[in-house]
Amino acid sequence: MKTLIRTIPVLACAMLLAGGQAGAQEQAAPAGSLTEPLPVCRLDPRDSGKLAVEPCRPAPPVQPRRAVAQVIGRMPAQPAPPVVPVAPLPPGLAVPMPRAPQPIGSCDTGGCRDAAGARYNGAGNATLDANGRICHRNGAFIQCF
């Protein structure tokens, strides 16, 4: 087991070195196979969307680039925004919590009645109670929200 632990890093290094040498040989081969340098890229005079000769190399710079120091200025100071007083909100209306589902006693074409006799008007699963709240019918139970 100790021998295996020692040999894994050695094998990994050998593979990396072999891969790096193969990549260097591949890159050197195309450069050595060219007998003459590529022409400078120019646009085709008949069609400006195409090059006159392909492959080509980019043109050399007209003037050598000069070094310039990078200057980063500070942003100007911003004044703090004015404080706007906010009026207190009026007390909210109390939202009633949904009641527990009520068992349905009987139904007809206009709606249903629960076991206590309260009427729910509407057809299908969506009905309204006497206060206008939306109620949902689920099987033998009805719950208003």
Protein backbone atom coordinates (compact mmCIF):
# COMPACT_ATOMS: atom_id res chain seq x y z
CA MET A 1 0.00 0.00 0.00
CA LYS A 2 2.86 2.40 0.84
CA THR A 3 4.53 1.66 -2.48
CA LEU A 4 1.29 2.50 -4.32
CA ILE A 5 1.00 5.83 -2.48
CA ARG A 6 4.56 6.72 -3.52
CA THR A 7 4.13 5.72 -7.17
CA ILE A 8 0.91 7.67 -7.89
CA PRO A 9 2.52 11.15 -7.66
CA VAL A 10 5.49 9.95 -9.74
CA LEU A 11 3.15 8.66 -12.47
CA ALA A 12 1.12 11.88 -12.43
CA CYS A 13 4.26 13.99 -12.89
CA ALA A 14 5.47 11.76 -15.72
CA MET A 15 2.13 12.11 -17.53
CA LEU A 16 2.14 15.90 -17.18
CA LEU A 17 5.68 16.17 -18.52
CA ALA A 18 4.94 13.86 -21.44
CA GLY A 19 1.79 15.81 -22.31
CA GLY A 20 3.63 19.15 -22.19
CA GLN A 21 6.37 17.90 -24.51
CA ALA A 22 3.82 16.51 -26.98
CA GLY A 23 1.99 19.87 -27.05
CA ALA A 24 5.26 21.74 -27.67
CA GLN A 25 6.11 19.40 -30.57
CA GLU A 26 2.64 19.90 -32.11
CA GLN A 27 2.94 23.70 -31.94
CA ALA A 28 6.46 23.73 -33.34
CA ALA A 29 5.58 21.53 -36.34
CA PRO A 30 3.16 23.93 -38.14
CA ALA A 31 5.49 26.93 -37.73
CA GLY A 32 8.42 25.02 -39.19
CA SER A 33 6.35 23.69 -42.13
CA LEU A 34 5.63 27.20 -43.50
CA THR A 35 8.19 28.18 -46.11
CA GLU A 36 7.07 31.80 -46.56
CA PRO A 37 5.35 34.19 -44.18
CA LEU A 38 1.63 34.84 -44.56
CA PRO A 39 0.57 38.00 -46.45
CA VAL A 40 -0.90 40.94 -44.55
CA CYS A 41 -4.71 40.85 -44.35
CA ARG A 42 -6.51 43.17 -46.80
CA LEU A 43 -10.17 43.47 -47.77
CA ASP A 44 -11.32 42.27 -51.15
CA PRO A 45 -11.91 45.36 -53.37
CA ARG A 46 -15.02 43.74 -54.93
CA ASP A 47 -16.63 42.58 -51.64
CA SER A 48 -15.74 44.47 -48.45
CA GLY A 49 -17.15 41.65 -46.30
CA LYS A 50 -14.41 39.23 -47.38
CA LEU A 51 -10.64 39.12 -47.23
CA ALA A 52 -8.59 39.32 -50.43
CA VAL A 53 -6.31 36.42 -49.43
CA GLU A 54 -6.89 33.79 -46.76
CA PRO A 55 -5.06 32.81 -44.54
CA CYS A 56 -3.39 36.06 -43.68
CA ARG A 57 -1.69 37.75 -40.73
CA PRO A 58 -2.68 41.01 -39.03
CA ALA A 59 -0.86 44.13 -40.14
CA PRO A 60 1.98 45.37 -37.93
CA PRO A 61 1.22 48.47 -35.83
CA VAL A 62 1.92 51.83 -37.49
CA GLN A 63 3.57 53.23 -34.35
CA PRO A 64 4.89 51.33 -31.39
CA ARG A 65 2.70 51.53 -28.32
CA ARG A 66 3.89 53.67 -25.46
CA ALA A 67 3.44 53.03 -21.78
CA VAL A 68 0.95 55.29 -20.01
CA ALA A 69 0.34 55.44 -16.27
CA GLN A 70 -3.18 54.52 -15.28
CA VAL A 71 -4.92 57.25 -13.29
CA ILE A 72 -8.05 56.39 -11.35
CA GLY A 73 -9.88 59.45 -10.03
CA ARG A 74 -12.27 59.54 -7.10
CA MET A 75 -15.98 60.01 -7.54
CA PRO A 76 -17.29 63.41 -6.43
CA ALA A 77 -18.91 63.48 -3.00
CA GLN A 78 -22.70 63.17 -3.11
CA PRO A 79 -24.81 65.10 -0.60
CA ALA A 80 -27.05 62.96 1.59
CA PRO A 81 -30.67 62.85 0.37
CA PRO A 82 -33.12 64.86 2.48
CA VAL A 83 -35.03 62.98 5.15
CA VAL A 84 -38.72 62.85 4.30
CA PRO A 85 -41.05 62.23 7.24
CA VAL A 86 -43.34 59.27 6.70
CA ALA A 87 -46.89 59.43 8.01
CA PRO A 88 -47.93 56.46 10.15
CA LEU A 89 -50.16 53.96 8.40
CA PRO A 90 -53.77 53.71 9.53
CA PRO A 91 -54.62 50.56 11.48
CA GLY A 92 -55.41 47.71 9.11
CA LEU A 93 -58.68 45.87 8.99
CA ALA A 94 -58.73 42.59 10.79
CA VAL A 95 -58.80 39.77 8.27
CA PRO A 96 -60.94 36.90 9.51
CA MET A 97 -59.24 33.55 9.64
CA PRO A 98 -60.85 30.72 7.68
CA ARG A 99 -63.12 28.52 9.68
CA ALA A 100 -62.69 24.80 9.97
CA PRO A 101 -64.31 22.79 7.15
CA GLN A 102 -68.01 22.16 7.74
CA PRO A 103 -69.72 18.93 6.69
CA ILE A 104 -72.26 19.32 3.90
CA GLY A 105 -75.80 18.26 4.69
CA SER A 106 -77.53 18.43 1.30
CA CYS A 107 -77.08 20.05 -2.12
CA ASP A 108 -79.41 21.15 -4.92
CA THR A 109 -78.90 22.94 -8.25
CA GLY A 110 -78.51 26.38 -6.61
CA GLY A 111 -76.00 25.40 -3.90
CA CYS A 112 -75.58 23.44 -0.67
CA ARG A 113 -76.50 23.54 3.00
CA ASP A 114 -74.13 22.50 5.78
CA ALA A 115 -75.06 20.36 8.79
CA ALA A 116 -76.00 23.52 10.78
CA GLY A 117 -78.40 24.67 8.00
CA ALA A 118 -76.28 27.57 6.61
CA ARG A 119 -76.79 28.10 2.85
CA TYR A 120 -73.90 28.23 0.34
CA ASN A 121 -74.96 29.54 -3.10
CA GLY A 122 -73.19 28.53 -6.28
CA ALA A 123 -72.52 25.56 -8.49
CA GLY A 124 -69.56 23.23 -8.50
CA ASN A 125 -66.67 23.58 -6.05
CA ALA A 126 -66.76 27.42 -5.79
CA THR A 127 -69.63 28.81 -3.74
CA LEU A 128 -70.43 31.89 -1.63
CA ASP A 129 -71.74 31.98 1.94
CA ALA A 130 -74.35 34.41 3.31
CA ASN A 131 -71.62 37.05 4.03
CA GLY A 132 -70.26 36.90 0.43
CA ARG A 133 -67.06 35.06 1.30
CA ILE A 134 -65.67 32.55 -1.18
CA CYS A 135 -66.12 28.96 -0.07
CA HIS A 136 -64.53 25.85 -1.51
CA ARG A 137 -66.30 22.50 -1.58
CA ASN A 138 -64.10 19.44 -1.23
CA GLY A 139 -66.06 16.20 -1.26
CA ALA A 140 -68.38 16.13 1.77
CA PHE A 141 -66.88 19.27 3.36
CA ILE A 142 -67.01 23.01 2.64
CA GLN A 143 -64.59 25.70 3.90
CA CYS A 144 -64.97 29.49 3.58
CA PHE A 145 -62.01 31.88 3.31
